[in-house]
Amino acid sequence: MIAELIIPIETLRGQLRKDGYYFRMYKGKQIVQRCPSRKGHVKTEAEQANQERFIEKYRKRKPTDARL
């Protein structure tokens, strides 16, 4: 759905409320879209493997206590 905003607001990005809709710009137009629902989604083996690789590569480790 294309949204027409009032004058003081030029663009919106993201969710305003937790009502299931978000705003974005697409080809110079303001778009309102329903948020995708992942309820009931079961990860495939490939998705699980990708997530584990990502965690291993990018996870933040807690700093060790240097006072000991």
N, C-alpha and C. Protein backbone atom coordinates (compact mmCIF):
# COMPACT_ATOMS: atom_id res chain seq x y z
N MET A 1 0.85 -1.16 0.00
CA MET A 1 0.00 0.00 0.00
C MET A 1 0.90 1.23 0.00
N ILE A 2 0.64 2.19 -0.84
CA ILE A 2 1.40 3.44 -0.89
C ILE A 2 0.79 4.40 0.11
N ALA A 3 1.63 4.99 0.95
CA ALA A 3 1.16 5.90 2.00
C ALA A 3 1.49 7.34 1.62
N GLU A 4 0.57 8.25 1.85
CA GLU A 4 0.82 9.67 1.65
C GLU A 4 0.93 10.31 3.02
N LEU A 5 2.11 10.90 3.29
CA LEU A 5 2.37 11.47 4.61
C LEU A 5 2.03 12.95 4.64
N ILE A 6 1.77 13.45 5.84
CA ILE A 6 1.50 14.88 5.99
C ILE A 6 2.81 15.65 5.85
N ILE A 7 2.74 16.93 5.59
CA ILE A 7 3.87 17.77 5.23
C ILE A 7 5.07 17.69 6.18
N PRO A 8 4.94 17.82 7.50
CA PRO A 8 6.17 17.83 8.32
C PRO A 8 6.94 16.51 8.32
N ILE A 9 6.28 15.42 7.95
CA ILE A 9 6.95 14.11 7.95
C ILE A 9 7.25 13.75 6.50
N GLU A 10 8.55 13.65 6.19
CA GLU A 10 8.93 13.34 4.81
C GLU A 10 8.94 11.83 4.56
N THR A 11 9.60 11.08 5.45
CA THR A 11 9.67 9.64 5.28
C THR A 11 9.61 8.94 6.64
N LEU A 12 9.22 7.70 6.61
CA LEU A 12 9.22 6.83 7.79
C LEU A 12 9.94 5.55 7.44
N ARG A 13 10.64 4.98 8.44
CA ARG A 13 11.29 3.68 8.26
C ARG A 13 11.07 2.85 9.50
N GLY A 14 10.70 1.59 9.33
CA GLY A 14 10.53 0.69 10.46
C GLY A 14 9.12 0.68 11.00
N GLN A 15 8.97 0.11 12.20
CA GLN A 15 7.66 0.00 12.83
C GLN A 15 7.41 1.19 13.75
N LEU A 16 6.18 1.68 13.76
CA LEU A 16 5.79 2.70 14.72
C LEU A 16 5.21 2.07 15.97
N ARG A 17 4.42 1.04 15.79
CA ARG A 17 3.80 0.30 16.89
C ARG A 17 3.96 -1.17 16.60
N LYS A 18 3.61 -1.98 17.54
CA LYS A 18 3.64 -3.43 17.33
C LYS A 18 2.29 -3.89 16.79
N ASP A 19 1.84 -3.25 15.71
CA ASP A 19 0.54 -3.59 15.14
C ASP A 19 0.64 -4.47 13.90
N GLY A 20 1.87 -4.91 13.57
CA GLY A 20 2.02 -5.82 12.44
C GLY A 20 2.31 -5.15 11.11
N TYR A 21 2.61 -3.84 11.11
CA TYR A 21 2.93 -3.13 9.88
C TYR A 21 4.24 -2.38 10.04
N TYR A 22 4.97 -2.20 8.91
CA TYR A 22 6.17 -1.38 8.93
C TYR A 22 6.21 -0.49 7.70
N PHE A 23 7.01 0.56 7.78
CA PHE A 23 7.12 1.57 6.73
C PHE A 23 8.49 1.48 6.08
N ARG A 24 8.54 1.72 4.76
CA ARG A 24 9.82 1.77 4.06
C ARG A 24 9.67 2.59 2.79
N MET A 25 10.81 2.99 2.22
CA MET A 25 10.81 3.70 0.95
C MET A 25 11.12 2.70 -0.15
N TYR A 26 10.44 2.80 -1.28
CA TYR A 26 10.70 1.95 -2.42
C TYR A 26 10.54 2.78 -3.68
N LYS A 27 11.64 2.95 -4.40
CA LYS A 27 11.65 3.73 -5.65
C LYS A 27 11.05 5.11 -5.45
N GLY A 28 11.41 5.75 -4.32
CA GLY A 28 10.95 7.12 -4.06
C GLY A 28 9.55 7.23 -3.50
N LYS A 29 8.89 6.13 -3.23
CA LYS A 29 7.54 6.16 -2.68
C LYS A 29 7.54 5.54 -1.29
N GLN A 30 6.70 6.08 -0.44
CA GLN A 30 6.55 5.56 0.92
C GLN A 30 5.60 4.37 0.87
N ILE A 31 6.06 3.22 1.40
CA ILE A 31 5.29 1.99 1.35
C ILE A 31 4.98 1.53 2.78
N VAL A 32 3.77 1.02 2.98
CA VAL A 32 3.37 0.39 4.24
C VAL A 32 3.15 -1.08 3.94
N GLN A 33 3.82 -1.96 4.72
CA GLN A 33 3.68 -3.39 4.48
C GLN A 33 3.40 -4.12 5.78
N ARG A 34 2.75 -5.25 5.64
CA ARG A 34 2.51 -6.11 6.80
C ARG A 34 3.82 -6.83 7.12
N CYS A 35 4.13 -6.95 8.40
CA CYS A 35 5.33 -7.65 8.84
C CYS A 35 5.18 -9.14 8.56
N PRO A 36 6.26 -9.78 8.11
CA PRO A 36 6.17 -11.22 7.87
C PRO A 36 6.00 -11.98 9.18
N SER A 37 5.24 -13.03 9.13
CA SER A 37 5.01 -13.84 10.32
C SER A 37 5.86 -15.10 10.24
N ARG A 38 6.73 -15.30 11.23
CA ARG A 38 7.56 -16.50 11.29
C ARG A 38 7.00 -17.49 12.31
N LYS A 39 5.77 -17.25 12.74
CA LYS A 39 5.14 -18.11 13.73
C LYS A 39 4.96 -19.51 13.14
N GLY A 40 5.43 -20.48 13.87
CA GLY A 40 5.29 -21.86 13.41
C GLY A 40 6.36 -22.29 12.42
N HIS A 41 7.34 -21.40 12.12
CA HIS A 41 8.38 -21.75 11.17
C HIS A 41 9.34 -22.76 11.80
N VAL A 42 9.67 -23.79 11.07
CA VAL A 42 10.65 -24.79 11.52
C VAL A 42 11.88 -24.63 10.63
N LYS A 43 13.05 -24.44 11.26
CA LYS A 43 14.28 -24.25 10.51
C LYS A 43 14.66 -25.52 9.75
N THR A 44 15.13 -25.31 8.52
CA THR A 44 15.68 -26.44 7.77
C THR A 44 17.08 -26.71 8.27
N GLU A 45 17.65 -27.82 7.84
CA GLU A 45 19.02 -28.15 8.24
C GLU A 45 19.99 -27.08 7.76
N ALA A 46 19.78 -26.56 6.55
CA ALA A 46 20.66 -25.54 5.99
C ALA A 46 20.56 -24.24 6.80
N GLU A 47 19.35 -23.85 7.19
CA GLU A 47 19.18 -22.65 8.02
C GLU A 47 19.88 -22.80 9.36
N GLN A 48 19.74 -23.95 9.97
CA GLN A 48 20.37 -24.20 11.26
C GLN A 48 21.90 -24.16 11.14
N ALA A 49 22.43 -24.77 10.09
CA ALA A 49 23.88 -24.77 9.87
C ALA A 49 24.39 -23.35 9.63
N ASN A 50 23.65 -22.56 8.85
CA ASN A 50 24.05 -21.17 8.60
C ASN A 50 24.05 -20.37 9.89
N GLN A 51 23.05 -20.56 10.72
CA GLN A 51 22.97 -19.83 11.98
C GLN A 51 24.14 -20.20 12.89
N GLU A 52 24.47 -21.47 12.95
CA GLU A 52 25.59 -21.90 13.79
C GLU A 52 26.91 -21.34 13.29
N ARG A 53 27.12 -21.33 11.96
CA ARG A 53 28.35 -20.73 11.39
C ARG A 53 28.43 -19.24 11.71
N PHE A 54 27.30 -18.54 11.59
CA PHE A 54 27.27 -17.11 11.88
C PHE A 54 27.62 -16.85 13.33
N ILE A 55 27.04 -17.61 14.24
CA ILE A 55 27.31 -17.44 15.67
C ILE A 55 28.78 -17.68 15.97
N GLU A 56 29.33 -18.73 15.40
CA GLU A 56 30.73 -19.05 15.66
C GLU A 56 31.66 -17.94 15.15
N LYS A 57 31.31 -17.34 14.03
CA LYS A 57 32.17 -16.31 13.44
C LYS A 57 32.03 -14.96 14.13
N TYR A 58 30.81 -14.56 14.48
CA TYR A 58 30.56 -13.19 14.92
C TYR A 58 30.19 -13.02 16.38
N ARG A 59 30.08 -14.08 17.15
CA ARG A 59 29.65 -13.91 18.54
C ARG A 59 30.67 -13.09 19.33
N LYS A 60 30.16 -12.35 20.28
CA LYS A 60 31.00 -11.54 21.16
C LYS A 60 31.36 -12.40 22.36
N ARG A 61 32.60 -12.42 22.67
CA ARG A 61 33.05 -13.17 23.84
C ARG A 61 33.21 -12.21 25.01
N LYS A 62 32.87 -12.69 26.19
CA LYS A 62 33.03 -11.87 27.39
C LYS A 62 34.51 -11.70 27.68
N PRO A 63 34.93 -10.48 28.02
CA PRO A 63 36.34 -10.28 28.33
C PRO A 63 36.71 -11.03 29.61
N THR A 64 37.90 -11.57 29.64
CA THR A 64 38.35 -12.28 30.85
C THR A 64 38.71 -11.24 31.91
N ASP A 65 38.53 -11.60 33.15
CA ASP A 65 38.81 -10.68 34.24
C ASP A 65 40.33 -10.60 34.45
N ALA A 66 40.92 -9.43 34.16
CA ALA A 66 42.37 -9.25 34.22
C ALA A 66 42.86 -9.11 35.65
N ARG A 67 41.98 -8.93 36.61
CA ARG A 67 42.38 -8.73 37.99
C ARG A 67 42.81 -10.02 38.68
N LEU A 68 42.49 -11.16 38.15
CA LEU A 68 42.79 -12.43 38.81
C LEU A 68 44.23 -12.78 38.72
